[in-house]
Amino acid sequence: MPISHEDVEHVAKLARLQLSAAEVEQMAQELGTILDYVARLDSLDLDTVDPNFYEASENLPQREDEPQDSLPQSDALENAPDDDGCFFIVPRVV
C-alpha cells in the first residue's frame, strides 16, 4: 500500500520530526511495507482459530515461594567487565 510523501511529512510534523527528502522517501517505502503486511494479516480467515489459542498463565505449574540461596558474589562478579571486588562498576549515566 503506497504512502504519499505528503502523508509522511504530515505525520513527521505531528511528531515534530524534521526529515530530509531521502528520509521521507525511505519512511514512505517502509510504512508502505508495514501496511502491506497488516493488510495481509487482516485478510486471513481466522474464524476457525480459537481466540484463546495460548497457554493461560493460571494453568502453569506454580512453585512454592520459598527463599533460596543466591549466586555467590565471586561467581556473580566473575564475568563482569569491571568490578572493585565487591560491586559491579558501570559507566555513569547522569
Protein backbone atom coordinates (compact mmCIF):
# COMPACT_ATOMS: atom_id res chain seq x y z
CA MET A 1 0.00 0.00 0.00
CA PRO A 2 1.77 3.13 -1.15
CA ILE A 3 2.09 6.04 1.27
CA SER A 4 2.40 9.52 -0.17
CA HIS A 5 5.27 11.79 0.74
CA GLU A 6 2.69 14.31 1.94
CA ASP A 7 1.32 11.77 4.43
CA VAL A 8 4.81 11.03 5.72
CA GLU A 9 5.57 14.74 6.05
CA HIS A 10 2.26 15.29 7.86
CA VAL A 11 2.98 12.52 10.38
CA ALA A 12 6.54 13.79 10.81
CA LYS A 13 5.19 17.27 11.53
CA LEU A 14 2.76 15.87 14.12
CA ALA A 15 5.67 14.02 15.75
CA ARG A 16 7.79 17.18 15.49
CA LEU A 17 10.39 15.43 13.37
CA GLN A 18 12.43 17.05 10.66
CA LEU A 19 13.08 14.61 7.84
CA SER A 20 15.26 15.09 4.80
CA ALA A 21 13.87 14.25 1.36
CA ALA A 22 15.78 10.94 1.44
CA GLU A 23 14.33 10.11 4.86
CA VAL A 24 10.80 10.93 3.66
CA GLU A 25 11.30 8.57 0.72
CA GLN A 26 12.67 5.81 2.97
CA MET A 27 9.85 6.23 5.51
CA ALA A 28 7.23 6.14 2.75
CA GLN A 29 8.64 2.83 1.50
CA GLU A 30 8.95 1.32 4.99
CA LEU A 31 5.46 2.41 6.07
CA GLY A 32 4.05 1.06 2.82
CA THR A 33 5.69 -2.30 3.52
CA ILE A 34 4.28 -2.35 7.05
CA LEU A 35 0.78 -1.52 5.85
CA ASP A 36 1.01 -4.25 3.18
CA TYR A 37 1.88 -6.74 5.91
CA VAL A 38 -1.01 -5.55 8.10
CA ALA A 39 -3.36 -5.89 5.11
CA ARG A 40 -2.15 -9.49 4.64
CA LEU A 41 -2.87 -10.21 8.30
CA ASP A 42 -6.28 -8.58 8.01
CA SER A 43 -7.18 -10.83 5.06
CA LEU A 44 -6.55 -14.07 6.98
CA ASP A 45 -9.57 -16.27 7.68
CA LEU A 46 -9.40 -16.76 11.44
CA ASP A 47 -12.96 -17.96 12.00
CA THR A 48 -11.78 -21.46 12.87
CA VAL A 49 -8.97 -20.33 15.17
CA ASP A 50 -9.74 -20.35 18.88
CA PRO A 51 -9.19 -16.78 20.14
CA ASN A 52 -7.69 -18.24 23.31
CA PHE A 53 -5.08 -20.30 21.50
CA TYR A 54 -2.40 -19.91 24.14
CA GLU A 55 -1.49 -21.47 27.43
CA ALA A 56 -3.04 -19.29 30.11
CA SER A 57 -0.60 -18.44 32.88
CA GLU A 58 -3.03 -19.58 35.59
CA ASN A 59 -2.76 -23.13 34.23
CA LEU A 60 1.01 -23.25 34.51
CA PRO A 61 2.50 -25.19 37.41
CA GLN A 62 3.46 -22.99 40.32
CA ARG A 63 6.31 -23.49 42.75
CA GLU A 64 6.31 -22.54 46.38
CA ASP A 65 7.64 -19.06 47.07
CA GLU A 66 10.46 -20.06 49.37
CA PRO A 67 13.81 -18.35 49.91
CA GLN A 68 16.68 -19.95 48.03
CA ASP A 69 20.42 -19.48 48.16
CA SER A 70 21.60 -16.76 45.81
CA LEU A 71 24.57 -16.78 43.47
CA PRO A 72 27.85 -16.35 45.39
CA GLN A 73 29.27 -12.84 44.97
CA SER A 74 32.51 -14.13 43.45
CA ASP A 75 30.55 -16.06 40.79
CA ALA A 76 28.39 -13.02 40.02
CA LEU A 77 31.43 -10.79 39.54
CA GLU A 78 33.44 -13.40 37.61
CA ASN A 79 32.29 -12.28 34.14
CA ALA A 80 31.81 -8.60 34.95
CA PRO A 81 33.76 -6.33 32.60
CA ASP A 82 34.71 -4.14 35.58
CA ASP A 83 34.36 -4.58 39.34
CA ASP A 84 36.05 -3.46 42.53
CA GLY A 85 35.99 -6.85 44.21
CA CYS A 86 32.60 -6.28 45.84
CA PHE A 87 30.46 -4.41 43.30
CA PHE A 88 29.92 -4.06 39.56
CA ILE A 89 31.41 -0.88 38.15
CA VAL A 90 29.25 0.66 35.43
CA PRO A 91 29.55 3.88 33.42
CA ARG A 92 27.91 6.93 34.92
CA VAL A 93 24.60 7.74 33.24
CA VAL A 94 23.67 11.01 34.85
